[in-house]
């Protein structure tokens, strides 16, 4: 399945990138449908970094799923910013989630 959502935001390019890089935004955007928490012994960084981040996933805050790997990279983008999650889990063996931010004259185009 492929879902492609985009929206124009009236903010600076720098502010959009800064917010997308925070773990706080993931936790805010996905609630209440899905909640994430780090696996035992780990913690969420304030800002995402490239690499693998293991999380516990809960649907509606209480239905547990198997742990999921969030595998982040910052691939080169033709214009603007890109962040790729090539994560996986037992339930979802292939996950390809790309976020891009492109500067516009009066804000940014956010694509998820």
N, C-alpha and C. Protein backbone atom coordinates (compact mmCIF):
# COMPACT_ATOMS: atom_id res chain seq x y z
N UNK A 1 0.85 -1.15 0.00
CA UNK A 1 0.00 0.00 0.00
C UNK A 1 0.90 1.23 0.00
N UNK A 2 0.48 2.25 -0.72
CA UNK A 2 1.22 3.50 -0.76
C UNK A 2 0.28 4.64 -0.40
N UNK A 3 0.72 5.46 0.56
CA UNK A 3 -0.03 6.63 0.96
C UNK A 3 0.89 7.82 0.77
N UNK A 4 0.39 8.88 0.15
CA UNK A 4 1.20 10.06 -0.11
C UNK A 4 0.38 11.29 0.28
N UNK A 5 0.83 11.95 1.34
CA UNK A 5 0.11 13.11 1.85
C UNK A 5 1.07 14.30 1.83
N UNK A 6 0.58 15.43 1.34
CA UNK A 6 1.42 16.62 1.37
C UNK A 6 0.57 17.82 1.78
N UNK A 7 1.26 18.80 2.34
CA UNK A 7 0.59 20.03 2.75
C UNK A 7 1.59 21.17 2.72
N UNK A 8 1.09 22.35 2.45
CA UNK A 8 1.92 23.55 2.52
C UNK A 8 1.84 24.09 3.93
N UNK A 9 2.99 24.42 4.49
CA UNK A 9 3.05 24.98 5.83
C UNK A 9 3.64 26.38 5.75
N UNK A 10 3.07 27.29 6.48
CA UNK A 10 3.58 28.67 6.51
C UNK A 10 4.56 28.80 7.67
N UNK A 11 5.75 28.29 7.45
CA UNK A 11 6.82 28.41 8.43
C UNK A 11 8.13 28.37 7.67
N UNK A 12 9.20 28.66 8.36
CA UNK A 12 10.50 28.63 7.69
C UNK A 12 10.93 27.19 7.43
N UNK A 13 11.75 27.02 6.43
CA UNK A 13 12.32 25.71 6.12
C UNK A 13 13.07 25.17 7.33
N UNK A 14 13.86 26.01 7.97
CA UNK A 14 14.67 25.59 9.12
C UNK A 14 13.79 25.10 10.27
N UNK A 15 12.68 25.80 10.53
CA UNK A 15 11.78 25.39 11.61
C UNK A 15 11.11 24.06 11.29
N UNK A 16 10.71 23.87 10.05
CA UNK A 16 10.08 22.60 9.65
C UNK A 16 11.04 21.43 9.84
N UNK A 17 12.27 21.58 9.38
CA UNK A 17 13.27 20.51 9.52
C UNK A 17 13.56 20.26 10.99
N UNK A 18 13.73 21.31 11.76
CA UNK A 18 14.01 21.18 13.19
C UNK A 18 12.93 20.36 13.89
N UNK A 19 11.66 20.62 13.58
CA UNK A 19 10.55 19.91 14.23
C UNK A 19 10.44 18.46 13.75
N UNK A 20 10.65 18.21 12.47
CA UNK A 20 10.58 16.83 11.96
C UNK A 20 11.64 15.95 12.60
N UNK A 21 12.75 16.53 12.97
CA UNK A 21 13.84 15.76 13.57
C UNK A 21 13.62 15.42 15.04
N UNK A 22 12.54 15.95 15.65
CA UNK A 22 12.30 15.66 17.07
C UNK A 22 11.46 14.40 17.24
N UNK A 23 11.79 13.62 18.25
CA UNK A 23 10.97 12.46 18.58
C UNK A 23 9.61 12.91 19.11
N UNK A 24 9.56 14.09 19.70
CA UNK A 24 8.32 14.65 20.23
C UNK A 24 7.25 14.72 19.15
N UNK A 25 7.63 15.06 17.92
CA UNK A 25 6.64 15.17 16.85
C UNK A 25 6.05 13.81 16.51
N UNK A 26 6.86 12.76 16.43
CA UNK A 26 6.34 11.41 16.18
C UNK A 26 5.31 11.04 17.25
N UNK A 27 5.65 11.25 18.51
CA UNK A 27 4.75 10.87 19.60
C UNK A 27 3.45 11.66 19.55
N UNK A 28 3.52 12.91 19.15
CA UNK A 28 2.33 13.76 19.06
C UNK A 28 1.44 13.37 17.88
N UNK A 29 2.04 13.20 16.71
CA UNK A 29 1.27 12.97 15.48
C UNK A 29 0.56 11.62 15.48
N UNK A 30 1.19 10.60 16.04
CA UNK A 30 0.62 9.26 15.96
C UNK A 30 -0.43 8.95 17.03
N UNK A 31 -0.46 9.73 18.10
CA UNK A 31 -1.47 9.49 19.13
C UNK A 31 -2.82 10.02 18.67
N UNK A 32 -3.91 9.47 19.04
CA UNK A 32 -4.09 8.35 19.95
C UNK A 32 -4.12 6.99 19.26
N UNK A 33 -4.02 6.97 17.93
CA UNK A 33 -4.10 5.71 17.20
C UNK A 33 -2.95 4.76 17.55
N UNK A 34 -1.73 5.27 17.52
CA UNK A 34 -0.55 4.44 17.78
C UNK A 34 0.33 5.17 18.79
N UNK A 35 0.88 4.41 19.72
CA UNK A 35 1.86 5.00 20.64
C UNK A 35 3.13 4.17 20.58
N UNK A 36 4.24 4.86 20.77
CA UNK A 36 5.55 4.24 20.73
C UNK A 36 6.26 4.51 22.05
N UNK A 37 7.03 3.54 22.49
CA UNK A 37 7.93 3.76 23.63
C UNK A 37 9.19 2.95 23.38
N UNK A 38 10.32 3.42 23.84
CA UNK A 38 11.57 2.69 23.62
C UNK A 38 11.52 1.33 24.31
N UNK A 39 12.22 0.37 23.74
CA UNK A 39 12.31 -0.94 24.39
C UNK A 39 13.09 -0.78 25.69
N UNK A 40 12.96 -1.76 26.57
CA UNK A 40 13.59 -1.70 27.90
C UNK A 40 15.07 -1.35 27.79
N UNK A 41 15.49 -0.45 28.65
CA UNK A 41 16.89 -0.07 28.70
C UNK A 41 17.29 1.00 27.70
N UNK A 42 16.37 1.44 26.88
CA UNK A 42 16.66 2.47 25.88
C UNK A 42 15.82 3.70 26.19
N UNK A 43 16.13 4.79 25.52
CA UNK A 43 15.33 6.00 25.66
C UNK A 43 15.28 6.71 24.31
N UNK A 44 14.25 7.52 24.14
CA UNK A 44 14.16 8.31 22.92
C UNK A 44 15.12 9.48 23.04
N UNK A 45 15.89 9.72 22.00
CA UNK A 45 16.70 10.94 22.00
C UNK A 45 15.76 12.13 21.79
N UNK A 46 16.21 13.32 22.13
CA UNK A 46 15.40 14.52 21.85
C UNK A 46 15.23 14.69 20.35
N UNK A 47 16.30 14.41 19.62
CA UNK A 47 16.29 14.51 18.16
C UNK A 47 16.73 13.19 17.55
N UNK A 48 16.06 12.82 16.46
CA UNK A 48 16.41 11.59 15.77
C UNK A 48 17.81 11.67 15.20
N UNK A 49 18.45 10.53 15.10
CA UNK A 49 19.73 10.42 14.42
C UNK A 49 19.66 9.20 13.52
N UNK A 50 20.54 9.15 12.55
CA UNK A 50 20.58 7.98 11.67
C UNK A 50 20.90 6.75 12.51
N UNK A 51 20.31 5.63 12.13
CA UNK A 51 20.55 4.38 12.85
C UNK A 51 19.24 3.68 13.17
N UNK A 52 19.36 2.61 13.95
CA UNK A 52 18.21 1.78 14.31
C UNK A 52 17.76 2.10 15.72
N UNK A 53 16.47 2.35 15.86
CA UNK A 53 15.86 2.67 17.15
C UNK A 53 14.73 1.66 17.38
N UNK A 54 14.85 0.79 18.38
CA UNK A 54 13.83 -0.22 18.67
C UNK A 54 12.75 0.36 19.57
N UNK A 55 11.50 0.12 19.21
CA UNK A 55 10.37 0.65 19.97
C UNK A 55 9.32 -0.43 20.21
N UNK A 56 8.57 -0.23 21.28
CA UNK A 56 7.36 -1.02 21.52
C UNK A 56 6.22 -0.21 20.93
N UNK A 57 5.28 -0.89 20.30
CA UNK A 57 4.16 -0.23 19.64
C UNK A 57 2.87 -0.69 20.30
N UNK A 58 1.98 0.27 20.52
CA UNK A 58 0.65 -0.05 21.07
C UNK A 58 -0.40 0.64 20.22
N UNK A 59 -1.42 -0.11 19.87
CA UNK A 59 -2.56 0.43 19.13
C UNK A 59 -3.56 0.97 20.15
N UNK A 60 -4.02 2.19 19.95
CA UNK A 60 -4.95 2.87 20.86
C UNK A 60 -4.40 2.96 22.29
N UNK A 61 -3.10 2.86 22.44
CA UNK A 61 -2.47 3.01 23.74
C UNK A 61 -2.46 1.78 24.62
N UNK A 62 -3.14 0.69 24.19
CA UNK A 62 -3.18 -0.47 25.08
C UNK A 62 -3.05 -1.82 24.37
N UNK A 63 -3.25 -1.92 23.07
CA UNK A 63 -3.12 -3.20 22.36
C UNK A 63 -1.66 -3.34 21.92
N UNK A 64 -0.89 -4.24 22.57
CA UNK A 64 0.53 -4.33 22.27
C UNK A 64 0.82 -5.06 20.95
N UNK A 65 1.87 -4.62 20.29
CA UNK A 65 2.40 -5.27 19.11
C UNK A 65 3.84 -5.68 19.41
N UNK A 66 4.39 -6.51 18.58
CA UNK A 66 5.79 -6.88 18.72
C UNK A 66 6.68 -5.65 18.53
N UNK A 67 7.90 -5.67 19.06
CA UNK A 67 8.80 -4.52 18.86
C UNK A 67 9.03 -4.24 17.37
N UNK A 68 9.26 -3.00 17.08
CA UNK A 68 9.49 -2.54 15.70
C UNK A 68 10.80 -1.76 15.66
N UNK A 69 11.53 -1.95 14.57
CA UNK A 69 12.75 -1.18 14.36
C UNK A 69 12.41 0.05 13.52
N UNK A 70 12.79 1.21 14.02
CA UNK A 70 12.75 2.43 13.22
C UNK A 70 14.18 2.60 12.72
N UNK A 71 14.37 2.51 11.41
CA UNK A 71 15.72 2.55 10.82
C UNK A 71 15.84 3.83 10.00
N UNK A 72 16.43 4.84 10.61
CA UNK A 72 16.46 6.17 10.00
C UNK A 72 17.74 6.46 9.24
N UNK A 73 17.54 7.17 8.13
CA UNK A 73 18.65 7.72 7.37
C UNK A 73 18.23 9.07 6.83
N UNK A 74 19.21 9.87 6.45
CA UNK A 74 18.97 11.19 5.88
C UNK A 74 19.53 11.21 4.46
N UNK A 75 18.78 10.63 3.51
CA UNK A 75 19.29 10.56 2.14
C UNK A 75 19.36 11.95 1.49
N UNK A 76 20.22 12.06 0.52
CA UNK A 76 20.32 13.32 -0.23
C UNK A 76 19.01 13.57 -0.96
N UNK A 77 18.57 14.81 -0.96
CA UNK A 77 17.35 15.20 -1.66
C UNK A 77 17.71 16.18 -2.76
N UNK A 78 17.01 16.10 -3.88
CA UNK A 78 17.27 17.01 -4.99
C UNK A 78 17.14 18.46 -4.54
N UNK A 79 16.10 18.76 -3.79
CA UNK A 79 15.94 20.07 -3.17
C UNK A 79 15.39 19.84 -1.78
N UNK A 80 15.88 20.55 -0.82
CA UNK A 80 15.33 20.45 0.52
C UNK A 80 15.89 19.33 1.35
N UNK A 81 15.01 18.74 2.17
CA UNK A 81 15.36 17.79 3.22
C UNK A 81 14.62 16.48 3.00
N UNK A 82 15.26 15.36 3.36
CA UNK A 82 14.59 14.06 3.32
C UNK A 82 15.00 13.24 4.53
N UNK A 83 14.04 12.51 5.10
CA UNK A 83 14.30 11.55 6.17
C UNK A 83 13.57 10.27 5.81
N UNK A 84 14.29 9.16 5.82
CA UNK A 84 13.75 7.85 5.42
C UNK A 84 13.74 6.91 6.60
N UNK A 85 12.61 6.24 6.82
CA UNK A 85 12.52 5.15 7.80
C UNK A 85 12.34 3.86 7.02
N UNK A 86 13.34 3.00 7.08
CA UNK A 86 13.28 1.68 6.44
C UNK A 86 13.13 0.62 7.52
N UNK A 87 12.17 0.84 8.41
CA UNK A 87 11.98 -0.03 9.55
C UNK A 87 11.35 -1.37 9.21
N UNK A 88 11.21 -2.18 10.25
CA UNK A 88 10.64 -3.52 10.07
C UNK A 88 10.23 -4.08 11.43
N UNK A 89 9.39 -5.11 11.37
CA UNK A 89 8.97 -5.86 12.55
C UNK A 89 8.49 -7.22 12.08
N UNK A 90 8.09 -8.06 13.03
CA UNK A 90 7.54 -9.36 12.64
C UNK A 90 6.24 -9.17 11.87
N UNK A 91 5.43 -8.21 12.28
CA UNK A 91 4.15 -7.96 11.63
C UNK A 91 4.31 -7.25 10.29
N UNK A 92 5.24 -6.31 10.21
CA UNK A 92 5.48 -5.53 8.99
C UNK A 92 6.94 -5.73 8.59
N UNK A 93 7.22 -6.71 7.71
CA UNK A 93 8.61 -7.01 7.37
C UNK A 93 9.29 -5.92 6.53
N UNK A 94 8.52 -5.11 5.82
CA UNK A 94 9.10 -4.04 5.01
C UNK A 94 8.31 -2.77 5.27
N UNK A 95 9.01 -1.73 5.67
CA UNK A 95 8.37 -0.44 5.94
C UNK A 95 9.22 0.61 5.26
N UNK A 96 8.61 1.39 4.42
CA UNK A 96 9.33 2.46 3.73
C UNK A 96 8.57 3.75 3.91
N UNK A 97 9.08 4.60 4.78
CA UNK A 97 8.41 5.84 5.13
C UNK A 97 9.37 6.99 4.82
N UNK A 98 8.98 7.84 3.90
CA UNK A 98 9.82 8.96 3.48
C UNK A 98 9.11 10.27 3.80
N UNK A 99 9.82 11.16 4.47
CA UNK A 99 9.34 12.52 4.73
C UNK A 99 10.26 13.47 3.98
N UNK A 100 9.66 14.40 3.23
CA UNK A 100 10.46 15.42 2.56
C UNK A 100 9.92 16.81 2.90
N UNK A 101 10.82 17.76 2.89
CA UNK A 101 10.46 19.17 3.11
C UNK A 101 11.17 19.98 2.04
N UNK A 102 10.39 20.72 1.28
CA UNK A 102 10.92 21.54 0.18
C UNK A 102 10.56 23.00 0.45
N UNK A 103 11.55 23.89 0.39
CA UNK A 103 11.23 25.31 0.61
C UNK A 103 10.37 25.87 -0.52
N UNK A 104 9.41 26.71 -0.15
CA UNK A 104 8.57 27.44 -1.10
C UNK A 104 8.77 28.93 -0.84
N UNK A 105 8.25 29.76 -1.71
CA UNK A 105 8.39 31.21 -1.56
C UNK A 105 7.76 31.70 -0.25
N UNK A 106 6.64 31.08 0.17
CA UNK A 106 5.94 31.55 1.37
C UNK A 106 5.83 30.48 2.45
N UNK A 107 6.77 29.54 2.49
CA UNK A 107 6.74 28.48 3.50
C UNK A 107 7.46 27.25 3.00
N UNK A 108 6.85 26.08 3.26
CA UNK A 108 7.44 24.81 2.84
C UNK A 108 6.34 23.88 2.35
N UNK A 109 6.75 22.89 1.54
CA UNK A 109 5.88 21.79 1.17
C UNK A 109 6.36 20.58 1.98
N UNK A 110 5.48 20.08 2.86
CA UNK A 110 5.77 18.91 3.68
C UNK A 110 5.10 17.72 3.03
N UNK A 111 5.86 16.69 2.76
CA UNK A 111 5.30 15.48 2.13
C UNK A 111 5.67 14.29 3.00
N UNK A 112 4.67 13.46 3.26
CA UNK A 112 4.83 12.30 4.14
C UNK A 112 4.28 11.08 3.44
